[in-house]
């Protein structure tokens, strides 16, 4: 051992592994040689199904389609669009029918327009973002990096000129205007 190093004690739990209440999934895999073959195969299948269901790409898309709340403004209900004050009210059945008609027409027109436009717009947006990403990664970023590498001397020259000529002028102007005080008086 090296001199001057702190020694750290390690506690090792040598508890009885046959107690079922202490057995955890990792311990079950270690003890699988003690179990009957059918039990081990069933547990491996369950783990594979759980792993597949948690790794699915479509499950999060189906459950939460606006995870970043980009379209909060589109959460519109009937009461947000049509609201009757207490002084003027239509009949209750008219109000209920109007509400139902609004909700049904909003949902179904959205679905119909989505069926017609979702695939083409998705395709066009995907192609557009793919092309823009390609240009940004392979053209724009390298050009900017090359420009910054080759104009390092220009940045140094520019900052030196500013420090030499412009900074003293503004510091002296600040010193001159620093002594000016304005008082407001009533006449």
C-alpha atoms as a PDB file:
ATOM      1  CA  UNK A   1       0.000   0.000   0.000  1.00  0.00           C
ATOM      2  CA  UNK A   2       1.089   3.582  -0.542  1.00  0.00           C
ATOM      3  CA  UNK A   3       2.088   5.670   2.447  1.00  0.00           C
ATOM      4  CA  UNK A   4       0.058   8.789   3.250  1.00  0.00           C
ATOM      5  CA  UNK A   5      -3.191   7.443   1.775  1.00  0.00           C
ATOM      6  CA  UNK A   6      -6.334   7.324   3.894  1.00  0.00           C
ATOM      7  CA  UNK A   7      -7.647   3.849   4.463  1.00  0.00           C
ATOM      8  CA  UNK A   8     -11.319   3.413   3.871  1.00  0.00           C
ATOM      9  CA  UNK A   9     -13.315   0.699   5.565  1.00  0.00           C
ATOM     10  CA  UNK A  10     -15.747  -1.290   3.503  1.00  0.00           C
ATOM     11  CA  UNK A  11     -18.743  -2.949   5.128  1.00  0.00           C
ATOM     12  CA  UNK A  12     -19.744  -6.239   3.539  1.00  0.00           C
ATOM     13  CA  UNK A  13     -23.254  -7.483   4.203  1.00  0.00           C
ATOM     14  CA  UNK A  14     -23.194 -11.237   4.610  1.00  0.00           C
ATOM     15  CA  UNK A  15     -26.908 -11.489   5.356  1.00  0.00           C
ATOM     16  CA  UNK A  16     -28.886 -14.625   4.607  1.00  0.00           C
ATOM     17  CA  UNK A  17     -29.740 -14.601   0.883  1.00  0.00           C
ATOM     18  CA  UNK A  18     -32.554 -17.152   1.298  1.00  0.00           C
ATOM     19  CA  UNK A  19     -34.948 -14.600   2.812  1.00  0.00           C
ATOM     20  CA  UNK A  20     -37.496 -13.662   0.088  1.00  0.00           C
ATOM     21  CA  UNK A  21     -38.287 -10.162   1.414  1.00  0.00           C
ATOM     22  CA  UNK A  22     -34.687  -9.002   0.845  1.00  0.00           C
ATOM     23  CA  UNK A  23     -34.377 -10.342  -2.687  1.00  0.00           C
ATOM     24  CA  UNK A  24     -34.190  -7.583  -5.299  1.00  0.00           C
ATOM     25  CA  UNK A  25     -34.159  -7.874  -9.124  1.00  0.00           C
ATOM     26  CA  UNK A  26     -30.350  -7.733  -9.341  1.00  0.00           C
ATOM     27  CA  UNK A  27     -30.063 -10.384  -6.664  1.00  0.00           C
ATOM     28  CA  UNK A  28     -32.611 -12.521  -8.520  1.00  0.00           C
ATOM     29  CA  UNK A  29     -30.364 -12.544 -11.567  1.00  0.00           C
ATOM     30  CA  UNK A  30     -27.432 -13.600  -9.411  1.00  0.00           C
ATOM     31  CA  UNK A  31     -29.518 -16.368  -7.802  1.00  0.00           C
ATOM     32  CA  UNK A  32     -31.020 -17.598 -11.074  1.00  0.00           C
ATOM     33  CA  UNK A  33     -28.842 -20.727 -10.973  1.00  0.00           C
ATOM     34  CA  UNK A  34     -30.751 -21.793  -7.838  1.00  0.00           C
ATOM     35  CA  UNK A  35     -34.213 -21.360  -9.421  1.00  0.00           C
ATOM     36  CA  UNK A  36     -36.070 -23.773 -11.678  1.00  0.00           C
ATOM     37  CA  UNK A  37     -35.530 -23.150 -15.398  1.00  0.00           C
ATOM     38  CA  UNK A  38     -39.182 -22.193 -16.069  1.00  0.00           C
ATOM     39  CA  UNK A  39     -39.103 -19.401 -13.461  1.00  0.00           C
ATOM     40  CA  UNK A  40     -35.899 -17.957 -14.900  1.00  0.00           C
ATOM     41  CA  UNK A  41     -37.287 -17.975 -18.457  1.00  0.00           C
ATOM     42  CA  UNK A  42     -40.540 -16.280 -17.360  1.00  0.00           C
ATOM     43  CA  UNK A  43     -38.633 -13.543 -15.517  1.00  0.00           C
ATOM     44  CA  UNK A  44     -36.350 -12.928 -18.520  1.00  0.00           C
ATOM     45  CA  UNK A  45     -39.380 -12.612 -20.829  1.00  0.00           C
ATOM     46  CA  UNK A  46     -41.051 -10.166 -18.423  1.00  0.00           C
ATOM     47  CA  UNK A  47     -37.856  -8.090 -18.263  1.00  0.00           C
ATOM     48  CA  UNK A  48     -37.567  -8.056 -22.071  1.00  0.00           C
ATOM     49  CA  UNK A  49     -41.198  -6.921 -22.427  1.00  0.00           C
ATOM     50  CA  UNK A  50     -40.681  -4.202 -19.821  1.00  0.00           C
ATOM     51  CA  UNK A  51     -37.468  -3.124 -21.548  1.00  0.00           C
ATOM     52  CA  UNK A  52     -39.156  -2.994 -24.953  1.00  0.00           C
ATOM     53  CA  UNK A  53     -42.145  -1.052 -23.612  1.00  0.00           C
ATOM     54  CA  UNK A  54     -39.919   1.514 -21.900  1.00  0.00           C
ATOM     55  CA  UNK A  55     -37.671   1.892 -24.964  1.00  0.00           C
ATOM     56  CA  UNK A  56     -40.502   2.471 -27.402  1.00  0.00           C
ATOM     57  CA  UNK A  57     -40.160   5.672 -29.414  1.00  0.00           C
ATOM     58  CA  UNK A  58     -43.867   5.997 -30.165  1.00  0.00           C
ATOM     59  CA  UNK A  59     -45.261   5.591 -26.659  1.00  0.00           C
ATOM     60  CA  UNK A  60     -44.126   9.041 -25.448  1.00  0.00           C
ATOM     61  CA  UNK A  61     -45.328  10.602 -28.710  1.00  0.00           C
ATOM     62  CA  UNK A  62     -48.802   9.157 -28.335  1.00  0.00           C
ATOM     63  CA  UNK A  63     -49.241  10.075 -24.681  1.00  0.00           C
ATOM     64  CA  UNK A  64     -47.778  13.574 -24.640  1.00  0.00           C
ATOM     65  CA  UNK A  65     -47.740  15.315 -27.990  1.00  0.00           C
ATOM     66  CA  UNK A  66     -46.802  18.795 -26.793  1.00  0.00           C
ATOM     67  CA  UNK A  67     -44.193  18.154 -24.082  1.00  0.00           C
ATOM     68  CA  UNK A  68     -42.725  21.661 -24.304  1.00  0.00           C
ATOM     69  CA  UNK A  69     -46.139  23.410 -24.303  1.00  0.00           C
ATOM     70  CA  UNK A  70     -45.435  25.154 -27.600  1.00  0.00           C
ATOM     71  CA  UNK A  71     -49.144  25.451 -28.418  1.00  0.00           C
ATOM     72  CA  UNK A  72     -50.597  26.711 -25.145  1.00  0.00           C
ATOM     73  CA  UNK A  73     -52.499  29.370 -27.093  1.00  0.00           C
ATOM     74  CA  UNK A  74     -54.515  26.675 -28.894  1.00  0.00           C
ATOM     75  CA  UNK A  75     -56.066  25.283 -25.724  1.00  0.00           C
ATOM     76  CA  UNK A  76     -59.370  26.963 -26.471  1.00  0.00           C
ATOM     77  CA  UNK A  77     -62.691  25.955 -24.974  1.00  0.00           C
ATOM     78  CA  UNK A  78     -66.191  27.131 -25.777  1.00  0.00           C
ATOM     79  CA  UNK A  79     -66.155  29.503 -22.802  1.00  0.00           C
ATOM     80  CA  UNK A  80     -62.972  31.140 -24.125  1.00  0.00           C
ATOM     81  CA  UNK A  81     -64.656  31.973 -27.437  1.00  0.00           C
ATOM     82  CA  UNK A  82     -68.295  32.591 -26.572  1.00  0.00           C
ATOM     83  CA  UNK A  83     -69.264  33.953 -23.185  1.00  0.00           C
ATOM     84  CA  UNK A  84     -72.631  35.367 -22.212  1.00  0.00           C
ATOM     85  CA  UNK A  85     -72.808  37.931 -19.440  1.00  0.00           C
ATOM     86  CA  UNK A  86     -75.465  37.689 -16.737  1.00  0.00           C
ATOM     87  CA  UNK A  87     -77.509  40.485 -18.307  1.00  0.00           C
ATOM     88  CA  UNK A  88     -78.077  38.720 -21.649  1.00  0.00           C
ATOM     89  CA  UNK A  89     -78.484  34.985 -21.718  1.00  0.00           C
ATOM     90  CA  UNK A  90     -79.839  32.512 -24.219  1.00  0.00           C
ATOM     91  CA  UNK A  91     -81.817  29.473 -23.233  1.00  0.00           C
ATOM     92  CA  UNK A  92     -80.014  26.658 -21.437  1.00  0.00           C
ATOM     93  CA  UNK A  93     -80.692  24.128 -24.204  1.00  0.00           C
ATOM     94  CA  UNK A  94     -79.381  26.548 -26.842  1.00  0.00           C
ATOM     95  CA  UNK A  95     -76.229  27.062 -24.768  1.00  0.00           C
ATOM     96  CA  UNK A  96     -75.672  23.322 -24.310  1.00  0.00           C
ATOM     97  CA  UNK A  97     -76.306  22.565 -28.002  1.00  0.00           C
ATOM     98  CA  UNK A  98     -74.020  25.409 -29.086  1.00  0.00           C
ATOM     99  CA  UNK A  99     -71.300  24.145 -26.764  1.00  0.00           C
ATOM    100  CA  UNK A 100     -71.615  20.591 -28.090  1.00  0.00           C
ATOM    101  CA  UNK A 101     -71.687  21.774 -31.717  1.00  0.00           C
ATOM    102  CA  UNK A 102     -68.590  23.947 -31.157  1.00  0.00           C
ATOM    103  CA  UNK A 103     -66.594  21.117 -29.564  1.00  0.00           C
ATOM    104  CA  UNK A 104     -67.619  18.480 -32.108  1.00  0.00           C
ATOM    105  CA  UNK A 105     -67.031  20.722 -35.134  1.00  0.00           C
ATOM    106  CA  UNK A 106     -63.656  21.904 -33.772  1.00  0.00           C
ATOM    107  CA  UNK A 107     -62.440  18.360 -33.174  1.00  0.00           C
ATOM    108  CA  UNK A 108     -63.734  16.882 -36.441  1.00  0.00           C
ATOM    109  CA  UNK A 109     -62.559  19.722 -38.672  1.00  0.00           C
ATOM    110  CA  UNK A 110     -59.144  19.474 -37.058  1.00  0.00           C
ATOM    111  CA  UNK A 111     -59.094  15.732 -37.722  1.00  0.00           C
ATOM    112  CA  UNK A 112     -60.212  16.150 -41.349  1.00  0.00           C
ATOM    113  CA  UNK A 113     -57.651  18.887 -42.077  1.00  0.00           C
ATOM    114  CA  UNK A 114     -55.004  16.820 -40.291  1.00  0.00           C
ATOM    115  CA  UNK A 115     -55.755  13.803 -42.477  1.00  0.00           C
ATOM    116  CA  UNK A 116     -55.356  15.971 -45.565  1.00  0.00           C
ATOM    117  CA  UNK A 117     -52.312  18.008 -44.520  1.00  0.00           C
ATOM    118  CA  UNK A 118     -50.379  16.212 -41.770  1.00  0.00           C
ATOM    119  CA  UNK A 119     -48.366  13.848 -43.956  1.00  0.00           C
ATOM    120  CA  UNK A 120     -47.417  16.365 -46.692  1.00  0.00           C
ATOM    121  CA  UNK A 121     -46.585  19.129 -44.200  1.00  0.00           C
ATOM    122  CA  UNK A 122     -44.571  16.692 -42.067  1.00  0.00           C
ATOM    123  CA  UNK A 123     -42.674  15.526 -45.139  1.00  0.00           C
ATOM    124  CA  UNK A 124     -41.945  19.084 -46.293  1.00  0.00           C
ATOM    125  CA  UNK A 125     -40.962  20.223 -42.762  1.00  0.00           C
ATOM    126  CA  UNK A 126     -38.719  17.185 -42.323  1.00  0.00           C
ATOM    127  CA  UNK A 127     -36.980  17.798 -45.643  1.00  0.00           C
ATOM    128  CA  UNK A 128     -36.611  21.526 -44.890  1.00  0.00           C
ATOM    129  CA  UNK A 129     -35.132  20.949 -41.431  1.00  0.00           C
ATOM    130  CA  UNK A 130     -32.899  18.201 -42.804  1.00  0.00           C
ATOM    131  CA  UNK A 131     -31.509  20.465 -45.533  1.00  0.00           C
ATOM    132  CA  UNK A 132     -31.090  23.387 -43.118  1.00  0.00           C
ATOM    133  CA  UNK A 133     -29.343  21.135 -40.591  1.00  0.00           C
ATOM    134  CA  UNK A 134     -27.026  19.811 -43.291  1.00  0.00           C
ATOM    135  CA  UNK A 135     -26.143  23.329 -44.483  1.00  0.00           C
ATOM    136  CA  UNK A 136     -25.616  24.530 -40.926  1.00  0.00           C
ATOM    137  CA  UNK A 137     -23.426  21.569 -39.924  1.00  0.00           C
ATOM    138  CA  UNK A 138     -21.406  21.134 -43.100  1.00  0.00           C
ATOM    139  CA  UNK A 139     -21.263  24.677 -44.565  1.00  0.00           C
ATOM    140  CA  UNK A 140     -22.121  27.489 -42.175  1.00  0.00           C
ATOM    141  CA  UNK A 141     -20.292  26.313 -39.041  1.00  0.00           C
ATOM    142  CA  UNK A 142     -17.021  25.446 -40.863  1.00  0.00           C
ATOM    143  CA  UNK A 143     -17.091  28.792 -42.701  1.00  0.00           C
ATOM    144  CA  UNK A 144     -17.603  30.687 -39.443  1.00  0.00           C
ATOM    145  CA  UNK A 145     -14.793  28.737 -37.737  1.00  0.00           C
ATOM    146  CA  UNK A 146     -12.419  29.342 -40.655  1.00  0.00           C
ATOM    147  CA  UNK A 147     -13.268  33.045 -40.627  1.00  0.00           C
ATOM    148  CA  UNK A 148     -12.706  33.300 -36.862  1.00  0.00           C
ATOM    149  CA  UNK A 149      -9.397  31.439 -37.108  1.00  0.00           C
ATOM    150  CA  UNK A 150      -8.117  33.609 -39.943  1.00  0.00           C
ATOM    151  CA  UNK A 151      -9.275  36.914 -38.489  1.00  0.00           C
ATOM    152  CA  UNK A 152      -7.827  36.511 -34.996  1.00  0.00           C
ATOM    153  CA  UNK A 153      -5.219  39.133 -35.841  1.00  0.00           C
ATOM    154  CA  UNK A 154      -7.984  41.505 -36.962  1.00  0.00           C
ATOM    155  CA  UNK A 155      -9.786  41.084 -33.639  1.00  0.00           C
ATOM    156  CA  UNK A 156      -6.578  41.872 -31.771  1.00  0.00           C
ATOM    157  CA  UNK A 157      -5.906  44.930 -33.951  1.00  0.00           C
ATOM    158  CA  UNK A 158      -9.459  46.210 -33.542  1.00  0.00           C
ATOM    159  CA  UNK A 159      -9.446  45.856 -29.748  1.00  0.00           C
ATOM    160  CA  UNK A 160      -6.020  47.580 -29.585  1.00  0.00           C
ATOM    161  CA  UNK A 161      -7.298  50.503 -31.675  1.00  0.00           C
ATOM    162  CA  UNK A 162     -10.377  50.840 -29.498  1.00  0.00           C
ATOM    163  CA  UNK A 163      -8.248  50.775 -26.335  1.00  0.00           C
ATOM    164  CA  UNK A 164      -5.787  53.297 -27.785  1.00  0.00           C
ATOM    165  CA  UNK A 165      -8.058  55.868 -29.433  1.00  0.00           C
ATOM    166  CA  UNK A 166     -11.690  55.460 -28.413  1.00  0.00           C
ATOM    167  CA  UNK A 167     -11.457  54.431 -24.747  1.00  0.00           C
ATOM    168  CA  UNK A 168      -9.413  57.502 -23.615  1.00  0.00           C
ATOM    169  CA  UNK A 169     -11.861  59.844 -25.365  1.00  0.00           C
ATOM    170  CA  UNK A 170     -14.883  58.341 -23.614  1.00  0.00           C
ATOM    171  CA  UNK A 171     -13.056  58.206 -20.271  1.00  0.00           C
ATOM    172  CA  UNK A 172     -12.206  61.915 -20.503  1.00  0.00           C
ATOM    173  CA  UNK A 173     -15.759  62.754 -21.603  1.00  0.00           C
ATOM    174  CA  UNK A 174     -17.066  60.789 -18.620  1.00  0.00           C
ATOM    175  CA  UNK A 175     -14.716  62.721 -16.330  1.00  0.00           C
ATOM    176  CA  UNK A 176     -15.973  66.040 -17.753  1.00  0.00           C
ATOM    177  CA  UNK A 177     -19.644  65.157 -17.465  1.00  0.00           C
ATOM    178  CA  UNK A 178     -19.173  63.600 -14.033  1.00  0.00           C
ATOM    179  CA  UNK A 179     -18.925  67.026 -12.372  1.00  0.00           C
ATOM    180  CA  UNK A 180     -22.206  68.256 -13.878  1.00  0.00           C
ATOM    181  CA  UNK A 181     -25.150  68.132 -11.515  1.00  0.00           C
ATOM    182  CA  UNK A 182     -28.733  69.000 -12.319  1.00  0.00           C
ATOM    183  CA  UNK A 183     -31.089  70.524  -9.758  1.00  0.00           C
ATOM    184  CA  UNK A 184     -34.722  71.049 -10.325  1.00  0.00           C
ATOM    185  CA  UNK A 185     -36.210  74.099  -8.666  1.00  0.00           C
ATOM    186  CA  UNK A 186     -39.644  75.643  -8.565  1.00  0.00           C
ATOM    187  CA  UNK A 187     -40.088  79.246  -9.661  1.00  0.00           C
END
